[in-house]
Amino acid sequence: MKILAKVSRGPQKGEIVTPHRHEDGTYVVSLKRFERDYIRVTTSEGFASEIRKGLKGRMSSHAVKGPRLFSQ
């Protein structure tokens, strides 16, 4: 499953981002941007499922500095 989003504002507007895989191999979804609220999922399917439920996902690319939260 390929999950993509497009940056909608700022200097990287138009850049395509994908789910950010953390060093521990997990993806992060959250309602808020704070680390204490992170929910870690192990698969891209789990990531997509949580996004469909209304959570935001941390996504990044080589052109975008640091992962950002994106919503559906």
N, C-alpha and C. Protein backbone atom coordinates (compact mmCIF):
# COMPACT_ATOMS: atom_id res chain seq x y z
N MET A 1 0.84 -1.17 0.00
CA MET A 1 0.00 0.00 0.00
C MET A 1 0.89 1.24 0.00
N LYS A 2 0.63 2.14 -0.90
CA LYS A 2 1.42 3.36 -1.00
C LYS A 2 0.60 4.52 -0.43
N ILE A 3 1.15 5.19 0.58
CA ILE A 3 0.49 6.30 1.23
C ILE A 3 1.28 7.57 0.91
N LEU A 4 0.61 8.55 0.32
CA LEU A 4 1.25 9.80 -0.07
C LEU A 4 0.41 10.99 0.39
N ALA A 5 1.08 12.10 0.64
CA ALA A 5 0.41 13.38 0.91
C ALA A 5 1.22 14.48 0.26
N LYS A 6 0.60 15.63 0.08
CA LYS A 6 1.28 16.76 -0.52
C LYS A 6 1.30 17.91 0.48
N VAL A 7 2.46 18.53 0.66
CA VAL A 7 2.58 19.69 1.54
C VAL A 7 1.76 20.82 0.93
N SER A 8 0.88 21.43 1.73
CA SER A 8 -0.05 22.42 1.19
C SER A 8 0.36 23.87 1.45
N ARG A 9 1.36 24.09 2.29
CA ARG A 9 1.79 25.46 2.54
C ARG A 9 3.23 25.51 3.02
N GLY A 10 3.78 26.69 3.00
CA GLY A 10 5.17 26.87 3.43
C GLY A 10 6.14 26.71 2.29
N PRO A 11 7.45 26.78 2.61
CA PRO A 11 8.49 26.73 1.57
C PRO A 11 8.52 25.43 0.78
N GLN A 12 8.06 24.34 1.37
CA GLN A 12 8.07 23.05 0.67
C GLN A 12 6.72 22.72 0.03
N LYS A 13 5.88 23.73 -0.17
CA LYS A 13 4.56 23.53 -0.77
C LYS A 13 4.69 22.72 -2.06
N GLY A 14 3.84 21.70 -2.17
CA GLY A 14 3.85 20.85 -3.36
C GLY A 14 4.70 19.60 -3.23
N GLU A 15 5.57 19.54 -2.22
CA GLU A 15 6.41 18.35 -2.01
C GLU A 15 5.55 17.15 -1.61
N ILE A 16 5.90 15.99 -2.12
CA ILE A 16 5.21 14.74 -1.78
C ILE A 16 5.92 14.13 -0.58
N VAL A 17 5.14 13.70 0.42
CA VAL A 17 5.69 13.06 1.61
C VAL A 17 5.06 11.67 1.78
N THR A 18 5.78 10.82 2.49
CA THR A 18 5.32 9.46 2.79
C THR A 18 5.43 9.24 4.30
N PRO A 19 4.80 8.19 4.83
CA PRO A 19 4.89 7.94 6.27
C PRO A 19 6.35 7.87 6.73
N HIS A 20 6.63 8.54 7.83
CA HIS A 20 7.98 8.59 8.38
C HIS A 20 8.23 7.35 9.25
N ARG A 21 9.24 6.59 8.89
CA ARG A 21 9.60 5.41 9.69
C ARG A 21 10.67 5.84 10.69
N HIS A 22 10.38 5.63 11.97
CA HIS A 22 11.30 6.00 13.03
C HIS A 22 12.41 4.95 13.17
N GLU A 23 13.44 5.29 13.93
CA GLU A 23 14.60 4.39 14.08
C GLU A 23 14.21 3.01 14.60
N ASP A 24 13.13 2.93 15.39
CA ASP A 24 12.70 1.64 15.91
C ASP A 24 11.84 0.85 14.91
N GLY A 25 11.67 1.41 13.70
CA GLY A 25 10.92 0.72 12.65
C GLY A 25 9.43 0.95 12.67
N THR A 26 8.96 1.81 13.57
CA THR A 26 7.52 2.06 13.67
C THR A 26 7.14 3.37 12.98
N TYR A 27 5.85 3.49 12.72
CA TYR A 27 5.26 4.72 12.21
C TYR A 27 4.49 5.35 13.37
N VAL A 28 4.27 6.66 13.33
CA VAL A 28 3.59 7.35 14.42
C VAL A 28 2.32 8.02 13.92
N VAL A 29 1.23 7.81 14.68
CA VAL A 29 -0.02 8.54 14.49
C VAL A 29 -0.36 9.19 15.82
N SER A 30 -1.13 10.27 15.76
CA SER A 30 -1.44 11.01 16.97
C SER A 30 -2.59 11.96 16.73
N LEU A 31 -3.28 12.34 17.79
CA LEU A 31 -4.27 13.40 17.69
C LEU A 31 -3.61 14.77 17.79
N LYS A 32 -2.50 14.84 18.52
CA LYS A 32 -1.78 16.09 18.74
C LYS A 32 -0.33 15.91 18.34
N ARG A 33 0.43 17.00 18.35
CA ARG A 33 1.82 16.95 17.90
C ARG A 33 2.80 16.55 18.99
N PHE A 34 2.33 16.36 20.21
CA PHE A 34 3.23 16.08 21.32
C PHE A 34 3.61 14.61 21.41
N GLU A 35 4.87 14.37 21.70
CA GLU A 35 5.38 13.00 21.74
C GLU A 35 4.63 12.13 22.76
N ARG A 36 4.18 12.73 23.84
CA ARG A 36 3.46 11.94 24.86
C ARG A 36 2.15 11.36 24.31
N ASP A 37 1.65 11.93 23.21
CA ASP A 37 0.40 11.46 22.61
C ASP A 37 0.60 10.50 21.44
N TYR A 38 1.84 10.18 21.12
CA TYR A 38 2.13 9.32 19.97
C TYR A 38 1.58 7.91 20.18
N ILE A 39 1.07 7.36 19.11
CA ILE A 39 0.69 5.95 19.06
C ILE A 39 1.56 5.33 17.97
N ARG A 40 2.33 4.33 18.32
CA ARG A 40 3.25 3.71 17.36
C ARG A 40 2.57 2.50 16.73
N VAL A 41 2.67 2.41 15.40
CA VAL A 41 2.14 1.27 14.66
C VAL A 41 3.28 0.65 13.85
N THR A 42 3.20 -0.63 13.61
CA THR A 42 4.33 -1.34 12.99
C THR A 42 4.21 -1.52 11.49
N THR A 43 3.01 -1.32 10.93
CA THR A 43 2.84 -1.55 9.49
C THR A 43 2.22 -0.33 8.81
N SER A 44 2.45 -0.22 7.51
CA SER A 44 1.83 0.88 6.77
C SER A 44 0.31 0.70 6.71
N GLU A 45 -0.17 -0.55 6.73
CA GLU A 45 -1.60 -0.80 6.74
C GLU A 45 -2.22 -0.30 8.05
N GLY A 46 -1.52 -0.53 9.17
CA GLY A 46 -1.98 -0.03 10.47
C GLY A 46 -1.98 1.49 10.49
N PHE A 47 -0.97 2.09 9.89
CA PHE A 47 -0.86 3.54 9.78
C PHE A 47 -2.08 4.08 9.02
N ALA A 48 -2.37 3.51 7.86
CA ALA A 48 -3.49 3.95 7.04
C ALA A 48 -4.82 3.77 7.78
N SER A 49 -4.96 2.68 8.49
CA SER A 49 -6.18 2.40 9.24
C SER A 49 -6.43 3.48 10.30
N GLU A 50 -5.37 3.87 11.01
CA GLU A 50 -5.51 4.89 12.05
C GLU A 50 -5.81 6.26 11.44
N ILE A 51 -5.25 6.55 10.29
CA ILE A 51 -5.54 7.82 9.61
C ILE A 51 -7.02 7.88 9.23
N ARG A 52 -7.55 6.76 8.74
CA ARG A 52 -8.97 6.70 8.38
C ARG A 52 -9.88 6.92 9.59
N LYS A 53 -9.38 6.59 10.77
CA LYS A 53 -10.15 6.79 12.01
C LYS A 53 -10.10 8.24 12.48
N GLY A 54 -9.29 9.08 11.84
CA GLY A 54 -9.24 10.48 12.21
C GLY A 54 -7.96 10.95 12.86
N LEU A 55 -7.01 10.04 13.06
CA LEU A 55 -5.73 10.46 13.64
C LEU A 55 -4.86 11.09 12.56
N LYS A 56 -3.84 11.80 12.98
CA LYS A 56 -2.88 12.40 12.06
C LYS A 56 -1.64 11.52 12.03
N GLY A 57 -0.94 11.54 10.91
CA GLY A 57 0.25 10.71 10.76
C GLY A 57 1.50 11.54 10.53
N ARG A 58 2.61 11.12 11.10
CA ARG A 58 3.88 11.80 10.88
C ARG A 58 4.44 11.35 9.54
N MET A 59 4.71 12.34 8.68
CA MET A 59 5.18 12.03 7.33
C MET A 59 6.36 12.93 7.00
N SER A 60 7.21 12.44 6.07
CA SER A 60 8.41 13.20 5.72
C SER A 60 8.87 12.83 4.31
N SER A 61 9.89 13.56 3.85
CA SER A 61 10.57 13.25 2.60
C SER A 61 11.98 13.80 2.72
N HIS A 62 12.81 13.54 1.72
CA HIS A 62 14.17 14.06 1.75
C HIS A 62 14.18 15.58 1.64
N ALA A 63 13.18 16.15 0.97
CA ALA A 63 13.13 17.59 0.75
C ALA A 63 12.51 18.35 1.93
N VAL A 64 11.73 17.65 2.76
CA VAL A 64 11.03 18.29 3.87
C VAL A 64 11.82 18.05 5.15
N LYS A 65 12.22 19.12 5.82
CA LYS A 65 13.01 18.99 7.05
C LYS A 65 12.13 18.46 8.19
N GLY A 66 12.51 17.34 8.72
CA GLY A 66 11.80 16.77 9.87
C GLY A 66 10.39 16.32 9.54
N PRO A 67 9.94 15.24 10.18
CA PRO A 67 8.59 14.75 9.94
C PRO A 67 7.55 15.73 10.47
N ARG A 68 6.42 15.79 9.78
CA ARG A 68 5.31 16.67 10.16
C ARG A 68 4.04 15.82 10.29
N LEU A 69 3.08 16.35 11.04
CA LEU A 69 1.79 15.68 11.15
C LEU A 69 0.90 16.07 9.98
N PHE A 70 0.31 15.07 9.34
CA PHE A 70 -0.62 15.29 8.24
C PHE A 70 -1.92 14.61 8.59
N SER A 71 -3.04 15.23 8.18
CA SER A 71 -4.34 14.62 8.39
C SER A 71 -4.99 14.33 7.04
N GLN A 72 -6.02 13.55 7.09
CA GLN A 72 -6.73 13.12 5.87
C GLN A 72 -7.48 14.25 5.25
